[in-house]
């Protein structure tokens, strides 16, 4: 789907049929066009680590909340969403709609049991709209542990080399229709994993998109329960601060 091209085609058609359309009501833009226009405004001054204003976040969230599978030409009977008979993890399909240096729009198509592994979104604000299906989502943010000369408050005392403490932000099953999920550069579950309970379609808006040359790499992770580092507990180490939180 070429959004920019569709915009130009609409303008040319408008000029050529101006007389014929005189006196008629102006047609409403498509849902995808409205999404594109809103993203263009919301992320116009964006960049890595820059979060849109609360008003802009709410505006884009509302547009996504009204998106339906039919708006992007999808339904659960399509081959993207069929359970595969072959062994191994089912393939995930990504449908690219648009990308510029400010934002990207795309759709992840997951058959039942499809998994998008735990990964991050460096410096990004991300909106995820579940168009249909049921999906388990688990997300994390890096734990904020205060530094101290006291070993009980020193981050290195809690985490072995090569391991970093993260706090669970979301661990639940979502079923469409539901509100879009939003994550931020340092909050809201910037690292997440998707597991399809049924066939699912997820419309994603990233601002800004991944860019290796600008240092926004997609990094994948393995998560382990904090309690699995039993050697720390055998040595009598205390639990991390904020005892009511769940860590990994």
C-alpha atoms as a PDB file:
ATOM      1  CA  UNK A   1       0.000   0.000   0.000  1.00  0.00           C
ATOM      2  CA  UNK A   2       1.585   3.249  -1.192  1.00  0.00           C
ATOM      3  CA  UNK A   3       0.082   6.015   0.881  1.00  0.00           C
ATOM      4  CA  UNK A   4       2.023   8.868  -0.667  1.00  0.00           C
ATOM      5  CA  UNK A   5       1.081   7.704  -4.138  1.00  0.00           C
ATOM      6  CA  UNK A   6      -2.569   7.459  -3.219  1.00  0.00           C
ATOM      7  CA  UNK A   7      -2.440  11.040  -1.995  1.00  0.00           C
ATOM      8  CA  UNK A   8      -1.085  12.275  -5.329  1.00  0.00           C
ATOM      9  CA  UNK A   9      -3.601  10.198  -7.282  1.00  0.00           C
ATOM     10  CA  UNK A  10      -6.415  11.706  -5.275  1.00  0.00           C
ATOM     11  CA  UNK A  11      -5.179  15.227  -6.019  1.00  0.00           C
ATOM     12  CA  UNK A  12      -4.906  14.566  -9.761  1.00  0.00           C
ATOM     13  CA  UNK A  13      -8.347  13.022  -9.882  1.00  0.00           C
ATOM     14  CA  UNK A  14      -9.720  15.948  -7.939  1.00  0.00           C
ATOM     15  CA  UNK A  15      -8.348  18.442 -10.464  1.00  0.00           C
ATOM     16  CA  UNK A  16      -9.533  16.512 -13.528  1.00  0.00           C
ATOM     17  CA  UNK A  17     -13.046  15.984 -12.183  1.00  0.00           C
ATOM     18  CA  UNK A  18     -13.508  19.333 -10.478  1.00  0.00           C
ATOM     19  CA  UNK A  19     -16.550  20.292 -12.534  1.00  0.00           C
ATOM     20  CA  UNK A  20     -18.202  16.914 -12.095  1.00  0.00           C
ATOM     21  CA  UNK A  21     -17.785  17.054  -8.342  1.00  0.00           C
ATOM     22  CA  UNK A  22     -19.115  20.594  -7.990  1.00  0.00           C
ATOM     23  CA  UNK A  23     -21.937  20.663  -5.518  1.00  0.00           C
ATOM     24  CA  UNK A  24     -21.144  17.222  -4.071  1.00  0.00           C
ATOM     25  CA  UNK A  25     -20.008  16.590  -0.512  1.00  0.00           C
ATOM     26  CA  UNK A  26     -16.301  15.966   0.026  1.00  0.00           C
ATOM     27  CA  UNK A  27     -15.613  12.267   0.601  1.00  0.00           C
ATOM     28  CA  UNK A  28     -14.196  11.168   3.939  1.00  0.00           C
ATOM     29  CA  UNK A  29     -10.554   9.967   3.953  1.00  0.00           C
ATOM     30  CA  UNK A  30      -9.975   6.252   4.453  1.00  0.00           C
ATOM     31  CA  UNK A  31      -9.022   4.978   7.901  1.00  0.00           C
ATOM     32  CA  UNK A  32      -5.487   4.202   6.693  1.00  0.00           C
ATOM     33  CA  UNK A  33      -5.156   7.676   5.182  1.00  0.00           C
ATOM     34  CA  UNK A  34      -6.368   9.207   8.444  1.00  0.00           C
ATOM     35  CA  UNK A  35      -3.806   7.150  10.352  1.00  0.00           C
ATOM     36  CA  UNK A  36      -1.040   8.294   8.008  1.00  0.00           C
ATOM     37  CA  UNK A  37      -2.053  11.967   8.276  1.00  0.00           C
ATOM     38  CA  UNK A  38      -2.234  11.776  12.070  1.00  0.00           C
ATOM     39  CA  UNK A  39       1.189  10.086  12.334  1.00  0.00           C
ATOM     40  CA  UNK A  40       2.661  12.727  10.053  1.00  0.00           C
ATOM     41  CA  UNK A  41       1.437  15.450  12.428  1.00  0.00           C
ATOM     42  CA  UNK A  42       2.162  13.668  15.708  1.00  0.00           C
ATOM     43  CA  UNK A  43       5.757  12.730  14.779  1.00  0.00           C
ATOM     44  CA  UNK A  44       6.589  15.868  12.766  1.00  0.00           C
ATOM     45  CA  UNK A  45       9.033  17.117  15.406  1.00  0.00           C
ATOM     46  CA  UNK A  46       9.963  13.651  16.607  1.00  0.00           C
ATOM     47  CA  UNK A  47      13.252  11.857  16.978  1.00  0.00           C
ATOM     48  CA  UNK A  48      14.965   9.262  19.137  1.00  0.00           C
ATOM     49  CA  UNK A  49      13.894   9.648  22.757  1.00  0.00           C
ATOM     50  CA  UNK A  50      11.334  12.354  21.967  1.00  0.00           C
ATOM     51  CA  UNK A  51       7.860  11.438  23.221  1.00  0.00           C
ATOM     52  CA  UNK A  52       4.821  13.093  21.614  1.00  0.00           C
ATOM     53  CA  UNK A  53       2.720  15.334  23.855  1.00  0.00           C
ATOM     54  CA  UNK A  54      -0.055  13.679  25.896  1.00  0.00           C
ATOM     55  CA  UNK A  55      -2.608  15.281  23.588  1.00  0.00           C
ATOM     56  CA  UNK A  56      -0.932  13.855  20.498  1.00  0.00           C
ATOM     57  CA  UNK A  57      -0.612  10.424  22.110  1.00  0.00           C
ATOM     58  CA  UNK A  58      -4.335  10.460  22.871  1.00  0.00           C
ATOM     59  CA  UNK A  59      -5.174  11.632  19.340  1.00  0.00           C
ATOM     60  CA  UNK A  60      -3.205   8.837  17.658  1.00  0.00           C
ATOM     61  CA  UNK A  61      -4.530   6.306  20.138  1.00  0.00           C
ATOM     62  CA  UNK A  62      -8.094   7.294  19.234  1.00  0.00           C
ATOM     63  CA  UNK A  63      -7.430   6.855  15.500  1.00  0.00           C
ATOM     64  CA  UNK A  64      -5.948   3.399  16.106  1.00  0.00           C
ATOM     65  CA  UNK A  65      -8.786   2.468  18.434  1.00  0.00           C
ATOM     66  CA  UNK A  66     -11.213   2.885  15.537  1.00  0.00           C
ATOM     67  CA  UNK A  67      -9.183   0.788  13.083  1.00  0.00           C
ATOM     68  CA  UNK A  68     -10.765  -2.471  11.931  1.00  0.00           C
ATOM     69  CA  UNK A  69      -9.280  -5.457  10.024  1.00  0.00           C
ATOM     70  CA  UNK A  70     -11.324  -4.549   6.950  1.00  0.00           C
ATOM     71  CA  UNK A  71      -9.679  -1.102   6.898  1.00  0.00           C
ATOM     72  CA  UNK A  72      -6.392  -2.769   5.959  1.00  0.00           C
ATOM     73  CA  UNK A  73      -7.902  -5.572   3.880  1.00  0.00           C
ATOM     74  CA  UNK A  74      -7.306  -8.408   6.340  1.00  0.00           C
ATOM     75  CA  UNK A  75      -9.388 -11.300   7.626  1.00  0.00           C
ATOM     76  CA  UNK A  76      -8.609 -14.435   9.615  1.00  0.00           C
ATOM     77  CA  UNK A  77      -9.169 -16.737   6.632  1.00  0.00           C
ATOM     78  CA  UNK A  78      -6.086 -15.439   4.799  1.00  0.00           C
ATOM     79  CA  UNK A  79      -3.056 -17.715   4.469  1.00  0.00           C
ATOM     80  CA  UNK A  80      -0.964 -15.478   6.763  1.00  0.00           C
ATOM     81  CA  UNK A  81      -3.058 -16.658   9.689  1.00  0.00           C
ATOM     82  CA  UNK A  82      -3.426 -20.376   9.003  1.00  0.00           C
ATOM     83  CA  UNK A  83      -1.924 -22.988  11.285  1.00  0.00           C
ATOM     84  CA  UNK A  84       0.987 -24.734   9.577  1.00  0.00           C
ATOM     85  CA  UNK A  85       1.268 -28.531   9.572  1.00  0.00           C
ATOM     86  CA  UNK A  86       5.070 -28.474   9.503  1.00  0.00           C
ATOM     87  CA  UNK A  87       7.066 -28.732  12.700  1.00  0.00           C
ATOM     88  CA  UNK A  88       8.777 -25.776  14.289  1.00  0.00           C
ATOM     89  CA  UNK A  89       7.691 -22.246  14.986  1.00  0.00           C
ATOM     90  CA  UNK A  90       5.038 -20.956  12.583  1.00  0.00           C
ATOM     91  CA  UNK A  91       6.193 -18.135  10.291  1.00  0.00           C
ATOM     92  CA  UNK A  92       5.343 -14.516  11.087  1.00  0.00           C
ATOM     93  CA  UNK A  93       4.483 -12.193   8.190  1.00  0.00           C
ATOM     94  CA  UNK A  94       5.148  -8.453   8.290  1.00  0.00           C
ATOM     95  CA  UNK A  95       3.139  -6.239   5.934  1.00  0.00           C
ATOM     96  CA  UNK A  96       4.980  -2.975   5.352  1.00  0.00           C
ATOM     97  CA  UNK A  97       2.628  -0.011   4.843  1.00  0.00           C
ATOM     98  CA  UNK A  98       4.875   3.048   5.149  1.00  0.00           C
ATOM     99  CA  UNK A  99       8.204   4.261   6.521  1.00  0.00           C
ATOM    100  CA  UNK A 100      10.074   7.549   6.678  1.00  0.00           C
ATOM    101  CA  UNK A 101      12.723   8.874   9.043  1.00  0.00           C
ATOM    102  CA  UNK A 102      10.010  10.018  11.492  1.00  0.00           C
ATOM    103  CA  UNK A 103       7.723   6.975  11.769  1.00  0.00           C
ATOM    104  CA  UNK A 104       6.748   3.631  10.292  1.00  0.00           C
ATOM    105  CA  UNK A 105       3.447   1.765   9.935  1.00  0.00           C
ATOM    106  CA  UNK A 106       3.169  -1.991   9.498  1.00  0.00           C
ATOM    107  CA  UNK A 107       1.162  -5.071  10.418  1.00  0.00           C
ATOM    108  CA  UNK A 108       2.381  -8.299  12.019  1.00  0.00           C
ATOM    109  CA  UNK A 109       0.370 -11.349  10.979  1.00  0.00           C
ATOM    110  CA  UNK A 110       0.637 -14.276  13.405  1.00  0.00           C
ATOM    111  CA  UNK A 111      -0.904 -17.746  13.016  1.00  0.00           C
ATOM    112  CA  UNK A 112      -1.883 -19.593  16.220  1.00  0.00           C
ATOM    113  CA  UNK A 113       1.146 -20.188  18.487  1.00  0.00           C
ATOM    114  CA  UNK A 114       3.191 -17.656  16.513  1.00  0.00           C
ATOM    115  CA  UNK A 115       5.786 -15.855  18.617  1.00  0.00           C
ATOM    116  CA  UNK A 116       7.578 -12.541  18.234  1.00  0.00           C
ATOM    117  CA  UNK A 117      10.526 -12.964  20.659  1.00  0.00           C
ATOM    118  CA  UNK A 118      11.390 -10.528  23.415  1.00  0.00           C
ATOM    119  CA  UNK A 119      12.930  -7.419  21.831  1.00  0.00           C
ATOM    120  CA  UNK A 120      13.418  -3.717  22.493  1.00  0.00           C
ATOM    121  CA  UNK A 121      12.513  -0.380  20.894  1.00  0.00           C
ATOM    122  CA  UNK A 122      15.442   1.983  21.607  1.00  0.00           C
ATOM    123  CA  UNK A 123      14.401   5.634  21.824  1.00  0.00           C
ATOM    124  CA  UNK A 124      10.969   4.879  20.357  1.00  0.00           C
ATOM    125  CA  UNK A 125       7.343   5.511  21.168  1.00  0.00           C
ATOM    126  CA  UNK A 126       5.316   2.550  19.890  1.00  0.00           C
ATOM    127  CA  UNK A 127       1.573   2.097  19.418  1.00  0.00           C
ATOM    128  CA  UNK A 128       0.298  -1.478  18.982  1.00  0.00           C
ATOM    129  CA  UNK A 129      -3.310  -2.144  17.987  1.00  0.00           C
ATOM    130  CA  UNK A 130      -4.589  -5.726  18.079  1.00  0.00           C
ATOM    131  CA  UNK A 131      -6.951  -5.870  15.094  1.00  0.00           C
ATOM    132  CA  UNK A 132      -8.273  -9.365  15.805  1.00  0.00           C
ATOM    133  CA  UNK A 133      -7.461 -12.461  17.816  1.00  0.00           C
ATOM    134  CA  UNK A 134      -6.115 -13.195  21.306  1.00  0.00           C
ATOM    135  CA  UNK A 135      -2.494 -12.634  22.228  1.00  0.00           C
ATOM    136  CA  UNK A 136      -0.336 -13.002  25.320  1.00  0.00           C
ATOM    137  CA  UNK A 137       1.900 -10.000  25.839  1.00  0.00           C
ATOM    138  CA  UNK A 138       4.754  -9.840  28.308  1.00  0.00           C
ATOM    139  CA  UNK A 139       6.741  -6.632  28.607  1.00  0.00           C
ATOM    140  CA  UNK A 140       9.580  -5.234  30.686  1.00  0.00           C
ATOM    141  CA  UNK A 141      11.401  -2.032  31.526  1.00  0.00           C
ATOM    142  CA  UNK A 142      14.908  -1.929  32.944  1.00  0.00           C
ATOM    143  CA  UNK A 143      14.725  -1.849  36.733  1.00  0.00           C
ATOM    144  CA  UNK A 144      15.741   1.399  38.370  1.00  0.00           C
ATOM    145  CA  UNK A 145      18.050   0.351  41.209  1.00  0.00           C
ATOM    146  CA  UNK A 146      19.737   3.183  43.141  1.00  0.00           C
ATOM    147  CA  UNK A 147      23.532   3.072  43.225  1.00  0.00           C
ATOM    148  CA  UNK A 148      25.165   2.922  46.637  1.00  0.00           C
ATOM    149  CA  UNK A 149      28.426   1.959  48.276  1.00  0.00           C
ATOM    150  CA  UNK A 150      26.350  -0.439  50.347  1.00  0.00           C
ATOM    151  CA  UNK A 151      26.388  -3.804  48.572  1.00  0.00           C
ATOM    152  CA  UNK A 152      22.681  -4.289  49.365  1.00  0.00           C
ATOM    153  CA  UNK A 153      21.887  -1.343  47.056  1.00  0.00           C
ATOM    154  CA  UNK A 154      24.585  -1.834  44.450  1.00  0.00           C
ATOM    155  CA  UNK A 155      23.185  -3.048  41.077  1.00  0.00           C
ATOM    156  CA  UNK A 156      26.214  -5.259  40.492  1.00  0.00           C
ATOM    157  CA  UNK A 157      25.301  -7.135  43.674  1.00  0.00           C
ATOM    158  CA  UNK A 158      21.959  -8.171  42.186  1.00  0.00           C
ATOM    159  CA  UNK A 159      22.970  -9.114  38.659  1.00  0.00           C
ATOM    160  CA  UNK A 160      25.790 -11.344  37.396  1.00  0.00           C
ATOM    161  CA  UNK A 161      27.963 -10.188  34.511  1.00  0.00           C
ATOM    162  CA  UNK A 162      26.036 -10.004  31.246  1.00  0.00           C
ATOM    163  CA  UNK A 163      22.669  -9.930  33.002  1.00  0.00           C
ATOM    164  CA  UNK A 164      20.562  -6.861  33.728  1.00  0.00           C
ATOM    165  CA  UNK A 165      17.619  -6.639  36.077  1.00  0.00           C
ATOM    166  CA  UNK A 166      14.274  -5.839  34.426  1.00  0.00           C
ATOM    167  CA  UNK A 167      10.854  -5.180  35.898  1.00  0.00           C
ATOM    168  CA  UNK A 168       7.749  -6.869  34.473  1.00  0.00           C
ATOM    169  CA  UNK A 169       5.237  -4.267  33.290  1.00  0.00           C
ATOM    170  CA  UNK A 170       2.652  -6.417  31.475  1.00  0.00           C
ATOM    171  CA  UNK A 171       1.930 -10.134  31.658  1.00  0.00           C
ATOM    172  CA  UNK A 172      -1.565 -10.759  30.332  1.00  0.00           C
ATOM    173  CA  UNK A 173      -3.716 -12.022  27.474  1.00  0.00           C
ATOM    174  CA  UNK A 174      -5.411  -9.396  25.309  1.00  0.00           C
ATOM    175  CA  UNK A 175      -8.381 -10.116  23.057  1.00  0.00           C
ATOM    176  CA  UNK A 176      -9.624  -7.812  20.309  1.00  0.00           C
ATOM    177  CA  UNK A 177     -11.339  -5.425  20.421  1.00  0.00           C
ATOM    178  CA  UNK A 178      -9.132  -3.756  23.020  1.00  0.00           C
ATOM    179  CA  UNK A 179      -7.370  -0.441  23.521  1.00  0.00           C
ATOM    180  CA  UNK A 180      -4.040   0.125  21.732  1.00  0.00           C
ATOM    181  CA  UNK A 181      -0.964  -0.530  23.848  1.00  0.00           C
ATOM    182  CA  UNK A 182       1.613   2.248  24.080  1.00  0.00           C
ATOM    183  CA  UNK A 183       5.239   1.932  25.106  1.00  0.00           C
ATOM    184  CA  UNK A 184       7.781   4.707  25.567  1.00  0.00           C
ATOM    185  CA  UNK A 185      11.583   4.981  25.341  1.00  0.00           C
ATOM    186  CA  UNK A 186      12.045   4.289  29.062  1.00  0.00           C
ATOM    187  CA  UNK A 187       8.603   3.232  30.296  1.00  0.00           C
ATOM    188  CA  UNK A 188       5.440   1.314  29.496  1.00  0.00           C
ATOM    189  CA  UNK A 189       7.240  -1.949  28.726  1.00  0.00           C
ATOM    190  CA  UNK A 190       9.821  -0.977  26.092  1.00  0.00           C
ATOM    191  CA  UNK A 191      10.854  -4.626  25.749  1.00  0.00           C
ATOM    192  CA  UNK A 192       8.063  -7.013  24.862  1.00  0.00           C
ATOM    193  CA  UNK A 193       7.209 -10.460  23.546  1.00  0.00           C
ATOM    194  CA  UNK A 194       4.037 -11.464  21.640  1.00  0.00           C
ATOM    195  CA  UNK A 195       2.587 -14.993  21.661  1.00  0.00           C
ATOM    196  CA  UNK A 196      -0.528 -15.646  19.563  1.00  0.00           C
ATOM    197  CA  UNK A 197      -3.230 -17.660  21.322  1.00  0.00           C
ATOM    198  CA  UNK A 198      -5.298 -17.564  18.136  1.00  0.00           C
ATOM    199  CA  UNK A 199      -4.559 -16.082  14.730  1.00  0.00           C
ATOM    200  CA  UNK A 200      -3.739 -12.396  15.287  1.00  0.00           C
ATOM    201  CA  UNK A 201      -3.030  -9.188  13.414  1.00  0.00           C
ATOM    202  CA  UNK A 202      -1.175  -6.359  15.149  1.00  0.00           C
ATOM    203  CA  UNK A 203      -0.980  -2.902  13.607  1.00  0.00           C
ATOM    204  CA  UNK A 204       2.242  -1.221  14.760  1.00  0.00           C
ATOM    205  CA  UNK A 205       3.250   2.444  14.608  1.00  0.00           C
ATOM    206  CA  UNK A 206       6.868   3.219  15.550  1.00  0.00           C
ATOM    207  CA  UNK A 207       8.174   6.722  16.061  1.00  0.00           C
ATOM    208  CA  UNK A 208      10.946   6.889  15.032  1.00  0.00           C
ATOM    209  CA  UNK A 209      11.528   3.524  13.268  1.00  0.00           C
ATOM    210  CA  UNK A 210      14.532   1.242  13.722  1.00  0.00           C
ATOM    211  CA  UNK A 211      17.678   2.603  12.095  1.00  0.00           C
ATOM    212  CA  UNK A 212      21.027   0.835  12.461  1.00  0.00           C
ATOM    213  CA  UNK A 213      23.026   3.828  11.215  1.00  0.00           C
ATOM    214  CA  UNK A 214      21.501   5.981  13.967  1.00  0.00           C
ATOM    215  CA  UNK A 215      22.046   3.377  16.673  1.00  0.00           C
ATOM    216  CA  UNK A 216      18.447   2.131  16.906  1.00  0.00           C
ATOM    217  CA  UNK A 217      19.112  -1.592  16.579  1.00  0.00           C
ATOM    218  CA  UNK A 218      16.536  -4.240  17.373  1.00  0.00           C
ATOM    219  CA  UNK A 219      18.025  -6.320  20.198  1.00  0.00           C
ATOM    220  CA  UNK A 220      16.563  -9.663  21.276  1.00  0.00           C
ATOM    221  CA  UNK A 221      16.699 -10.978  24.839  1.00  0.00           C
ATOM    222  CA  UNK A 222      16.210 -14.075  26.949  1.00  0.00           C
ATOM    223  CA  UNK A 223      14.299 -13.559  30.172  1.00  0.00           C
ATOM    224  CA  UNK A 224      14.922 -15.518  33.368  1.00  0.00           C
ATOM    225  CA  UNK A 225      13.063 -15.221  36.683  1.00  0.00           C
ATOM    226  CA  UNK A 226      15.130 -13.403  39.278  1.00  0.00           C
ATOM    227  CA  UNK A 227      14.712 -16.389  41.603  1.00  0.00           C
ATOM    228  CA  UNK A 228      16.547 -18.602  39.085  1.00  0.00           C
ATOM    229  CA  UNK A 229      19.850 -17.028  40.150  1.00  0.00           C
ATOM    230  CA  UNK A 230      19.870 -19.299  43.165  1.00  0.00           C
ATOM    231  CA  UNK A 231      23.536 -18.693  43.935  1.00  0.00           C
ATOM    232  CA  UNK A 232      22.676 -15.142  44.957  1.00  0.00           C
ATOM    233  CA  UNK A 233      19.988 -16.371  47.328  1.00  0.00           C
ATOM    234  CA  UNK A 234      22.232 -19.084  48.779  1.00  0.00           C
ATOM    235  CA  UNK A 235      24.740 -16.382  49.605  1.00  0.00           C
ATOM    236  CA  UNK A 236      22.087 -14.591  51.582  1.00  0.00           C
ATOM    237  CA  UNK A 237      21.610 -11.622  49.280  1.00  0.00           C
ATOM    238  CA  UNK A 238      18.492  -9.531  49.868  1.00  0.00           C
ATOM    239  CA  UNK A 239      15.727  -9.141  47.315  1.00  0.00           C
ATOM    240  CA  UNK A 240      15.900  -6.043  45.104  1.00  0.00           C
ATOM    241  CA  UNK A 241      14.249  -2.817  46.221  1.00  0.00           C
ATOM    242  CA  UNK A 242      10.519  -2.309  45.556  1.00  0.00           C
ATOM    243  CA  UNK A 243       9.516  -5.727  46.847  1.00  0.00           C
ATOM    244  CA  UNK A 244       6.007  -5.501  45.366  1.00  0.00           C
ATOM    245  CA  UNK A 245       7.424  -5.561  41.797  1.00  0.00           C
ATOM    246  CA  UNK A 246       8.134  -8.635  39.690  1.00  0.00           C
ATOM    247  CA  UNK A 247      11.646  -8.940  38.269  1.00  0.00           C
ATOM    248  CA  UNK A 248      13.360 -11.028  35.633  1.00  0.00           C
END
